[in-house]
Amino acid sequence: MPRLPWRGRRRGIWPALVLIAVGVGIWWLVHPPQKQDWLEWPAYDASDPMTARLQPTGRDLLWSRAAMRGSTRLFLSNHPEVLPLTECTLWRDEASGPGEVRYLAYLCHINSDDHPVYLGLLVENAGNAPFTVTGEEVATQSAPNRSIREMWHQQTRVGRRNAYAELSGQLFKPLPQLEAPAGTSRRILVWKMPASSTLGARVRLILRGADGPVRCRLSTVWAKSEKRLTIGLSLIPHGRSQQRGSWLSAEVVADNRDDPFDLAGKEREGETVRCLRLCQPVYQGEKKVGYSRDVVYTRERSFNPAEALPNIGTYGARTHVELHVKNSSNREQTVELYLRYPDRRITGYYIGAATVYAYDGKRWTPRETRAVNLGSMTFTNFITGTKTQDRHWFTSALASYPVPAGGRLVIPLDVTHDYPAMLPLGIVLRKAGNIQDNRD
């Protein structure tokens, strides 16, 4: 076939370029770009030598306390993650206050149907005086999932973004002020959930009375149309999966004051790396039989305990940890701080965020907040049987701090867990030493 002259070839190229441009445009519409507007802590994978050097060598450090703090109520709507077939109320809370009621509401739900549905956060004024509702919210929604692997990646994006927002105070959007006269119910927020998508949200609310005490009911409801979002729907029957409930406080404080990490241990004596675990499972052999005593959001403490489920992972809450370190040696030592997915018997992800202070030897620097993305997950192609290991045994490095000879240090650490976190989270303290010594 004779070659076309350049002008003729150029004319033939244009239709191809147009087709390519149309194809790219369609692809971008189906797969819109997702901007990552959060920061993440760096992580080590299983093959990194540092991961092995962070394996705890001594016994776990013990918590001296783990308790709720503050007066902002925690409202947890994560039961079940997959919305039930029948329209219903997912969780309902009732509260009262002399002048106001504050909430931190955490929602995470999956629409597994092949059509869009609506999820609403509703408030009812159950008192005799009007009140106003103000606040802010951050909501992240996944694109429709086309595979299990894609679903997990989308859901980790939801959790990382929302957890980062909670601790950093960024990405929240203010809510318009809502008036709630006595005896009325109002929709605070409504989200439209596409088919096969996941919605995660954190909502901070202030219900403030102008002329008297506040008495309110807060509920999450799902329906097939926005008009059907109403407080008249019945509460979903009690089940065993996931968590739901509401508690008096949305913050947990914990510390190891009575069992501090001592930097005097020598590199080769097995006390160089120590771990504290949040919501640590208790095992008999390979069988999980319960959780350690640091679980504070029990069903007995929840509103409506007969229908609530324990918030084992402290989902939605903020945990403020005070890490106590001492240096009994006669020279300055450096302690390093890491987060770790610590239990090889659990397959899954740990998703959340952490805030730490950095110390330059003279003063505390401003807080630094980043998302945490740890995990150990293997995906199976059910057609070919091929298994792909997606992530394995990640460890996040946070900060290091000098501790003078004979001195003590309290390291503040704030964490929050988000879907699809699978606890426990390990907080690792390590004495910085000669790497060659660690290899011996």
Protein backbone atom coordinates (compact mmCIF):
# COMPACT_ATOMS: atom_id res chain seq x y z
CA MET A 1 0.00 0.00 0.00
CA PRO A 2 1.52 3.32 -1.01
CA ARG A 3 2.26 5.76 1.78
CA LEU A 4 -0.01 8.74 2.10
CA PRO A 5 1.55 12.13 1.71
CA TRP A 6 1.97 13.94 5.07
CA ARG A 7 -1.11 16.07 4.57
CA GLY A 8 -3.25 12.99 3.93
CA ARG A 9 -1.78 11.14 6.88
CA ARG A 10 -2.43 14.16 9.09
CA ARG A 11 -6.08 14.13 8.03
CA GLY A 12 -6.29 10.48 8.97
CA ILE A 13 -4.77 11.10 12.38
CA TRP A 14 -7.39 13.64 13.47
CA PRO A 15 -10.32 11.17 13.69
CA ALA A 16 -8.14 8.83 15.73
CA LEU A 17 -7.18 11.66 18.07
CA VAL A 18 -10.82 12.61 18.45
CA LEU A 19 -11.73 9.02 19.32
CA ILE A 20 -8.90 8.86 21.86
CA ALA A 21 -10.01 12.15 23.42
CA VAL A 22 -13.61 10.93 23.67
CA GLY A 23 -12.43 7.67 25.21
CA VAL A 24 -10.30 9.48 27.78
CA GLY A 25 -13.22 11.78 28.58
CA ILE A 26 -15.54 8.84 29.16
CA TRP A 27 -12.93 7.16 31.34
CA TRP A 28 -12.56 10.29 33.48
CA LEU A 29 -16.35 10.47 33.87
CA VAL A 30 -16.51 6.85 35.00
CA HIS A 31 -13.31 7.08 37.05
CA PRO A 32 -13.18 10.68 38.31
CA PRO A 33 -9.86 11.72 39.84
CA GLN A 34 -9.80 11.61 43.63
CA LYS A 35 -7.78 14.29 45.26
CA GLN A 36 -5.98 13.26 48.43
CA ASP A 37 -6.44 16.27 50.66
CA TRP A 38 -4.87 14.73 53.75
CA LEU A 39 -1.39 13.79 54.94
CA GLU A 40 -0.22 10.33 56.02
CA TRP A 41 2.48 9.07 58.33
CA PRO A 42 5.29 7.19 56.55
CA ALA A 43 5.17 3.42 56.90
CA TYR A 44 7.49 0.41 56.71
CA ASP A 45 6.42 -2.82 55.04
CA ALA A 46 7.24 -6.38 56.05
CA SER A 47 10.46 -6.54 54.04
CA ASP A 48 11.95 -3.42 55.63
CA PRO A 49 14.62 -4.26 58.26
CA MET A 50 13.14 -1.61 60.52
CA THR A 51 9.92 -3.60 60.82
CA ALA A 52 11.79 -6.52 62.38
CA ARG A 53 13.65 -4.20 64.74
CA LEU A 54 10.29 -2.88 66.00
CA GLN A 55 9.05 -6.29 67.10
CA PRO A 56 8.39 -5.93 70.87
CA THR A 57 10.98 -7.81 72.88
CA GLY A 58 9.70 -7.21 76.41
CA ARG A 59 6.27 -7.71 77.92
CA ASP A 60 3.49 -5.29 76.99
CA LEU A 61 3.32 -2.09 78.99
CA LEU A 62 0.19 -1.86 81.14
CA TRP A 63 -2.46 0.84 81.14
CA SER A 64 -2.85 2.70 84.41
CA ARG A 65 -6.22 4.08 83.34
CA ALA A 66 -8.56 4.17 80.37
CA ALA A 67 -11.69 6.25 80.92
CA MET A 68 -14.13 8.63 79.25
CA ARG A 69 -13.67 12.39 79.60
CA GLY A 70 -15.74 15.43 78.59
CA SER A 71 -19.42 16.21 78.09
CA THR A 72 -19.78 15.87 74.29
CA ARG A 73 -21.93 12.79 73.64
CA LEU A 74 -20.72 10.12 71.24
CA PHE A 75 -23.36 8.86 68.79
CA LEU A 76 -22.27 5.75 66.88
CA SER A 77 -24.22 4.51 63.85
CA ASN A 78 -22.26 1.63 62.35
CA HIS A 79 -24.72 -1.25 62.73
CA PRO A 80 -24.99 -2.87 60.41
CA GLU A 81 -22.42 -1.52 57.97
CA VAL A 82 -24.47 -2.96 55.11
CA LEU A 83 -27.87 -1.29 55.24
CA PRO A 84 -30.73 -3.72 55.94
CA LEU A 85 -33.30 -4.55 53.27
CA THR A 86 -36.14 -2.72 55.01
CA GLU A 87 -36.22 1.04 55.59
CA CYS A 88 -35.57 1.70 59.26
CA THR A 89 -33.96 3.73 62.01
CA LEU A 90 -30.38 2.56 62.46
CA TRP A 91 -29.84 4.09 65.91
CA ARG A 92 -31.67 6.53 68.18
CA ASP A 93 -30.42 8.47 71.20
CA GLU A 94 -32.21 10.60 73.77
CA ALA A 95 -30.48 13.30 75.82
CA SER A 96 -31.17 16.43 77.83
CA GLY A 97 -29.20 19.37 79.18
CA PRO A 98 -29.89 22.55 81.16
CA GLY A 99 -28.85 24.84 78.30
CA GLU A 100 -27.36 22.73 75.51
CA VAL A 101 -26.48 19.25 74.33
CA ARG A 102 -23.33 18.56 72.29
CA TYR A 103 -22.77 15.58 70.01
CA LEU A 104 -20.02 13.97 68.02
CA ALA A 105 -21.85 11.65 65.63
CA TYR A 106 -20.00 8.94 63.72
CA LEU A 107 -21.68 7.20 60.78
CA CYS A 108 -20.43 4.49 58.45
CA HIS A 109 -22.80 2.54 56.19
CA ILE A 110 -22.67 0.59 52.93
CA ASN A 111 -25.37 0.60 50.26
CA SER A 112 -25.12 -2.84 48.68
CA ASP A 113 -28.24 -2.41 46.54
CA ASP A 114 -28.19 -1.71 42.82
CA HIS A 115 -30.05 1.59 43.24
CA PRO A 116 -29.41 4.80 45.21
CA VAL A 117 -30.77 5.20 48.74
CA TYR A 118 -30.91 8.06 51.25
CA LEU A 119 -29.34 8.27 54.68
CA GLY A 120 -30.50 10.97 57.07
CA LEU A 121 -29.48 12.41 60.44
CA LEU A 122 -32.67 13.59 62.17
CA VAL A 123 -33.37 15.50 65.37
CA GLU A 124 -36.59 15.72 67.36
CA ASN A 125 -37.36 18.37 69.94
CA ALA A 126 -38.90 16.31 72.74
CA GLY A 127 -39.07 19.24 75.18
CA ASN A 128 -41.33 22.21 75.79
CA ALA A 129 -38.96 24.94 74.57
CA PRO A 130 -37.39 25.59 71.15
CA PHE A 131 -33.72 25.07 70.44
CA THR A 132 -31.32 25.73 67.58
CA VAL A 133 -28.97 23.25 65.92
CA THR A 134 -25.54 24.37 64.69
CA GLY A 135 -22.37 22.48 63.90
CA GLU A 136 -20.13 21.14 61.16
CA GLU A 137 -19.61 17.92 59.25
CA VAL A 138 -17.14 16.02 57.11
CA ALA A 139 -18.49 13.28 54.87
CA THR A 140 -16.56 11.09 52.44
CA GLN A 141 -18.25 8.77 49.99
CA SER A 142 -16.70 6.00 47.94
CA ALA A 143 -17.28 5.53 44.26
CA PRO A 144 -19.29 2.43 43.24
CA ASN A 145 -17.21 -0.67 43.93
CA ARG A 146 -16.46 -3.02 41.05
CA SER A 147 -14.40 -5.59 42.97
CA ILE A 148 -13.59 -6.59 46.55
CA ARG A 149 -10.10 -5.18 46.20
CA GLU A 150 -11.40 -1.86 44.92
CA MET A 151 -14.01 -1.77 47.67
CA TRP A 152 -11.31 -2.07 50.34
CA HIS A 153 -9.20 0.67 48.79
CA GLN A 154 -12.20 2.97 48.51
CA GLN A 155 -13.20 2.34 52.10
CA THR A 156 -9.71 3.00 53.42
CA ARG A 157 -9.86 6.34 51.61
CA VAL A 158 -13.12 7.15 53.43
CA GLY A 159 -11.64 6.29 56.82
CA ARG A 160 -8.27 7.99 56.36
CA ARG A 161 -9.81 11.25 55.20
CA ASN A 162 -12.40 11.43 57.98
CA ALA A 163 -9.96 10.44 60.73
CA TYR A 164 -7.48 13.07 59.55
CA ALA A 165 -10.28 15.64 59.52
CA GLU A 166 -11.29 14.79 63.09
CA LEU A 167 -7.84 15.31 64.60
CA SER A 168 -6.64 18.14 62.37
CA GLY A 169 -9.88 20.14 62.47
CA GLN A 170 -9.66 20.53 58.70
CA LEU A 171 -12.07 19.53 55.90
CA PHE A 172 -15.18 20.16 58.03
CA LYS A 173 -18.01 22.22 56.52
CA PRO A 174 -20.27 24.39 58.68
CA LEU A 175 -23.95 23.47 58.90
CA PRO A 176 -26.65 26.08 58.38
CA GLN A 177 -28.43 26.98 61.60
CA LEU A 178 -31.57 24.93 62.08
CA GLU A 179 -34.56 25.96 64.21
CA ALA A 180 -36.33 23.16 66.10
CA PRO A 181 -39.59 24.31 67.75
CA ALA A 182 -40.97 22.20 70.58
CA GLY A 183 -42.59 18.98 69.45
CA THR A 184 -41.13 19.04 65.92
CA SER A 185 -38.61 16.90 64.07
CA ARG A 186 -36.12 18.15 61.49
CA ARG A 187 -33.60 16.68 59.08
CA ILE A 188 -30.15 17.93 59.94
CA LEU A 189 -28.37 16.21 57.05
CA VAL A 190 -29.37 14.00 54.14
CA TRP A 191 -26.89 12.01 52.04
CA LYS A 192 -27.72 10.30 48.75
CA MET A 193 -25.78 7.05 48.53
CA PRO A 194 -25.16 5.64 45.05
CA ALA A 195 -25.45 1.91 44.48
CA SER A 196 -22.57 -0.17 45.90
CA SER A 197 -21.03 2.75 47.75
CA THR A 198 -19.82 3.45 51.28
CA LEU A 199 -20.56 6.63 53.23
CA GLY A 200 -18.55 7.75 56.23
CA ALA A 201 -19.29 10.93 58.17
CA ARG A 202 -18.43 12.75 61.38
CA VAL A 203 -20.81 15.45 62.56
CA ARG A 204 -20.28 17.90 65.43
CA LEU A 205 -23.55 19.31 66.76
CA ILE A 206 -24.57 21.91 69.32
CA LEU A 207 -28.24 21.90 70.33
CA ARG A 208 -28.74 25.11 72.28
CA GLY A 209 -31.94 26.20 74.01
CA ALA A 210 -32.90 29.87 74.09
CA ASP A 211 -35.57 29.78 76.79
CA GLY A 212 -34.89 26.70 78.85
CA PRO A 213 -33.48 23.18 78.97
CA VAL A 214 -32.88 21.07 75.88
CA ARG A 215 -34.48 17.66 75.49
CA CYS A 216 -33.81 15.95 72.19
CA ARG A 217 -33.77 12.72 70.24
CA LEU A 218 -31.14 12.13 67.57
CA SER A 219 -31.45 9.33 65.02
CA THR A 220 -29.98 7.96 61.81
CA VAL A 221 -32.49 6.67 59.27
CA TRP A 222 -32.27 5.16 55.81
CA ALA A 223 -34.99 5.10 53.13
CA LYS A 224 -35.41 4.65 49.40
CA SER A 225 -36.54 8.25 48.94
CA GLU A 226 -35.78 11.47 50.78
CA LYS A 227 -39.44 11.99 51.63
CA ARG A 228 -39.54 8.73 53.56
CA LEU A 229 -36.78 9.81 55.96
CA THR A 230 -38.84 10.19 59.10
CA ILE A 231 -38.64 9.56 62.84
CA GLY A 232 -41.64 7.26 62.43
CA LEU A 233 -39.57 4.34 61.19
CA SER A 234 -38.89 1.61 63.73
CA LEU A 235 -35.45 0.80 65.11
CA ILE A 236 -33.63 -2.02 63.36
CA PRO A 237 -33.78 -5.22 65.45
CA HIS A 238 -30.87 -5.93 67.72
CA GLY A 239 -28.07 -7.87 66.04
CA ARG A 240 -24.55 -9.01 66.77
CA SER A 241 -22.49 -7.48 63.96
CA GLN A 242 -20.61 -4.17 64.14
CA GLN A 243 -21.34 -1.50 66.77
CA ARG A 244 -24.01 1.04 67.65
CA GLY A 245 -24.76 3.07 70.73
CA SER A 246 -24.42 6.46 72.38
CA TRP A 247 -22.36 7.42 75.39
CA LEU A 248 -21.88 10.41 77.68
CA SER A 249 -18.46 11.33 76.28
CA ALA A 250 -16.69 11.23 72.92
CA GLU A 251 -13.16 11.33 74.35
CA VAL A 252 -11.07 8.65 76.05
CA VAL A 253 -7.98 9.31 78.15
CA ALA A 254 -5.38 6.63 78.79
CA ASP A 255 -1.88 6.48 80.25
CA ASN A 256 0.82 4.11 81.51
CA ARG A 257 1.79 6.26 84.48
CA ASP A 258 2.24 3.24 86.78
CA ASP A 259 4.26 1.25 84.24
CA PRO A 260 6.58 3.68 82.41
CA PHE A 261 8.96 2.67 79.64
CA ASP A 262 12.53 2.76 81.00
CA LEU A 263 15.27 3.71 78.54
CA ALA A 264 17.97 2.26 80.82
CA GLY A 265 17.53 -1.22 79.32
CA LYS A 266 20.48 -2.45 77.27
CA GLU A 267 20.09 -3.24 73.60
CA ARG A 268 20.61 -6.97 74.03
CA GLU A 269 18.56 -7.53 77.20
CA GLY A 270 15.13 -7.62 75.61
CA GLU A 271 13.73 -4.35 76.99
CA THR A 272 14.51 -2.10 74.04
CA VAL A 273 11.13 -2.26 72.33
CA ARG A 274 7.87 -2.19 74.29
CA CYS A 275 4.25 -1.95 73.19
CA LEU A 276 0.92 -0.72 74.51
CA ARG A 277 -2.19 -1.92 72.72
CA LEU A 278 -5.53 -0.16 72.44
CA CYS A 279 -8.47 -2.57 72.70
CA GLN A 280 -6.27 -5.64 72.88
CA PRO A 281 -8.01 -8.98 72.23
CA VAL A 282 -7.56 -11.74 74.78
CA TYR A 283 -6.80 -15.19 73.33
CA GLN A 284 -6.94 -18.75 74.55
CA GLY A 285 -4.64 -20.43 72.06
CA GLU A 286 -5.73 -19.12 68.67
CA LYS A 287 -9.31 -18.35 69.76
CA LYS A 288 -10.32 -14.81 70.68
CA VAL A 289 -12.35 -14.94 73.90
CA GLY A 290 -12.70 -11.27 74.81
CA TYR A 291 -10.95 -7.92 75.16
CA SER A 292 -8.75 -6.32 77.77
CA ARG A 293 -10.03 -3.84 80.31
CA ASP A 294 -9.24 -0.72 78.29
CA VAL A 295 -12.58 -1.02 76.44
CA VAL A 296 -14.63 1.86 77.85
CA TYR A 297 -17.64 2.04 75.50
CA THR A 298 -19.50 -0.96 76.85
CA ARG A 299 -23.15 -1.62 76.09
CA GLU A 300 -24.00 -1.20 79.79
CA ARG A 301 -22.81 2.42 79.66
CA SER A 302 -24.74 3.23 76.48
CA PHE A 303 -28.16 4.79 76.17
CA ASN A 304 -30.67 1.96 75.62
CA PRO A 305 -28.21 -0.79 76.59
CA ALA A 306 -30.66 -3.54 75.62
CA GLU A 307 -30.32 -2.51 71.95
CA ALA A 308 -26.77 -1.09 71.95
CA LEU A 309 -23.59 -2.96 71.11
CA PRO A 310 -20.16 -2.25 72.63
CA ASN A 311 -17.93 0.15 70.73
CA ILE A 312 -14.90 -2.11 71.05
CA GLY A 313 -12.78 -0.08 68.63
CA THR A 314 -13.73 3.32 70.12
CA TYR A 315 -14.88 4.25 66.60
CA GLY A 316 -15.59 7.94 66.18
CA ALA A 317 -14.07 8.84 69.55
CA ARG A 318 -10.80 10.66 70.21
CA THR A 319 -8.30 8.90 72.45
CA HIS A 320 -5.76 11.05 74.27
CA VAL A 321 -2.81 8.94 75.38
CA GLU A 322 -0.12 10.09 77.81
CA LEU A 323 2.95 7.92 77.26
CA HIS A 324 5.23 7.93 80.31
CA VAL A 325 8.94 7.37 79.68
CA LYS A 326 11.83 7.43 82.16
CA ASN A 327 15.58 7.22 81.75
CA SER A 328 17.30 5.52 84.68
CA SER A 329 20.66 5.46 82.91
CA ASN A 330 23.52 7.92 83.51
CA ARG A 331 23.47 9.36 79.99
CA GLU A 332 20.93 10.97 77.70
CA GLN A 333 18.83 8.54 75.66
CA THR A 334 16.37 8.96 72.79
CA VAL A 335 12.95 7.31 72.66
CA GLU A 336 11.26 6.69 69.32
CA LEU A 337 7.50 6.45 68.84
CA TYR A 338 5.72 4.23 66.28
CA LEU A 339 2.26 2.85 65.57
CA ARG A 340 1.97 -0.79 64.59
CA TYR A 341 -0.60 -3.30 63.42
CA PRO A 342 0.51 -5.70 66.11
CA ASP A 343 -1.34 -9.02 65.98
CA ARG A 344 -0.54 -11.52 63.23
CA ARG A 345 -3.74 -13.45 63.98
CA ILE A 346 -5.90 -10.61 62.63
CA THR A 347 -6.20 -10.06 58.87
CA GLY A 348 -7.41 -6.66 57.74
CA TYR A 349 -6.62 -2.96 58.00
CA TYR A 350 -6.01 -0.42 60.70
CA ILE A 351 -7.28 2.97 59.50
CA GLY A 352 -7.20 6.14 61.57
CA ALA A 353 -5.13 9.20 62.36
CA ALA A 354 -2.58 10.30 64.95
CA THR A 355 -1.45 13.65 66.35
CA VAL A 356 1.90 14.08 68.08
CA TYR A 357 4.13 16.84 69.32
CA ALA A 358 7.68 17.07 67.97
CA TYR A 359 10.53 18.00 70.32
CA ASP A 360 13.69 19.72 69.09
CA GLY A 361 15.60 19.48 72.36
CA LYS A 362 14.53 22.90 73.64
CA ARG A 363 10.79 23.31 73.14
CA TRP A 364 7.65 21.61 71.95
CA THR A 365 6.78 22.35 68.36
CA PRO A 366 3.23 22.64 66.97
CA ARG A 367 1.10 19.55 66.67
CA GLU A 368 1.49 17.37 63.60
CA THR A 369 -1.50 15.34 62.40
CA ARG A 370 -1.51 12.67 59.71
CA ALA A 371 -3.62 9.68 58.73
CA VAL A 372 -2.56 6.14 59.65
CA ASN A 373 -2.80 3.36 57.06
CA LEU A 374 -1.66 -0.06 58.27
CA GLY A 375 -2.73 -3.51 57.17
CA SER A 376 -2.27 -7.13 56.26
CA MET A 377 -4.62 -8.21 53.49
CA THR A 378 -4.54 -10.95 50.84
CA PHE A 379 -6.97 -10.81 47.91
CA THR A 380 -8.07 -13.93 46.00
CA ASN A 381 -9.13 -14.03 42.35
CA PHE A 382 -12.00 -16.50 42.56
CA ILE A 383 -11.74 -17.32 38.85
CA THR A 384 -8.04 -18.10 38.70
CA GLY A 385 -7.41 -18.82 42.38
CA THR A 386 -4.48 -16.41 42.32
CA LYS A 387 -3.74 -14.67 45.60
CA THR A 388 -2.25 -11.20 45.79
CA GLN A 389 -0.89 -9.80 49.02
CA ASP A 390 -1.90 -6.17 49.06
CA ARG A 391 -0.30 -4.95 52.28
CA HIS A 392 1.47 -6.68 55.08
CA TRP A 393 2.62 -5.63 58.50
CA PHE A 394 3.05 -1.91 58.07
CA THR A 395 4.50 0.23 60.84
CA SER A 396 4.22 4.02 60.96
CA ALA A 397 7.04 6.18 62.33
CA LEU A 398 5.84 9.22 64.28
CA ALA A 399 8.58 11.03 66.23
CA SER A 400 11.63 10.81 68.50
CA TYR A 401 12.38 12.59 71.79
CA PRO A 402 15.55 13.04 73.86
CA VAL A 403 15.28 12.16 77.55
CA PRO A 404 18.07 13.42 79.88
CA ALA A 405 19.90 11.10 82.26
CA GLY A 406 17.72 10.39 85.30
CA GLY A 407 14.84 12.28 83.67
CA ARG A 408 11.22 11.59 82.78
CA LEU A 409 9.08 12.57 79.82
CA VAL A 410 5.35 12.47 79.07
CA ILE A 411 4.60 12.15 75.35
CA PRO A 412 1.09 13.27 74.34
CA LEU A 413 -0.49 11.24 71.54
CA ASP A 414 -4.00 11.63 70.12
CA VAL A 415 -5.50 8.91 67.95
CA THR A 416 -8.85 8.15 66.37
CA HIS A 417 -9.99 5.02 64.58
CA ASP A 418 -12.17 4.91 61.49
CA TYR A 419 -13.64 2.35 59.14
CA PRO A 420 -12.35 -0.19 58.20
CA ALA A 421 -10.09 -0.30 61.26
CA MET A 422 -9.62 -3.72 62.81
CA LEU A 423 -8.18 -3.33 66.25
CA PRO A 424 -5.88 -3.60 68.14
CA LEU A 425 -3.56 -0.70 67.46
CA GLY A 426 -0.07 -1.08 68.86
CA ILE A 427 1.81 1.92 70.24
CA VAL A 428 5.50 1.04 70.11
CA LEU A 429 8.22 2.73 72.17
CA ARG A 430 11.82 2.01 71.19
CA LYS A 431 15.14 3.13 72.59
CA ALA A 432 17.21 4.53 69.76
CA GLY A 433 20.47 2.65 69.57
CA ASN A 434 23.20 1.46 67.28
CA ILE A 435 21.67 -0.45 64.36
CA GLN A 436 24.58 -2.86 64.32
CA ASP A 437 23.86 -3.72 67.95
CA ASN A 438 20.26 -4.55 67.03
CA ARG A 439 21.41 -7.00 64.38
CA ASP A 440 23.67 -8.94 66.74
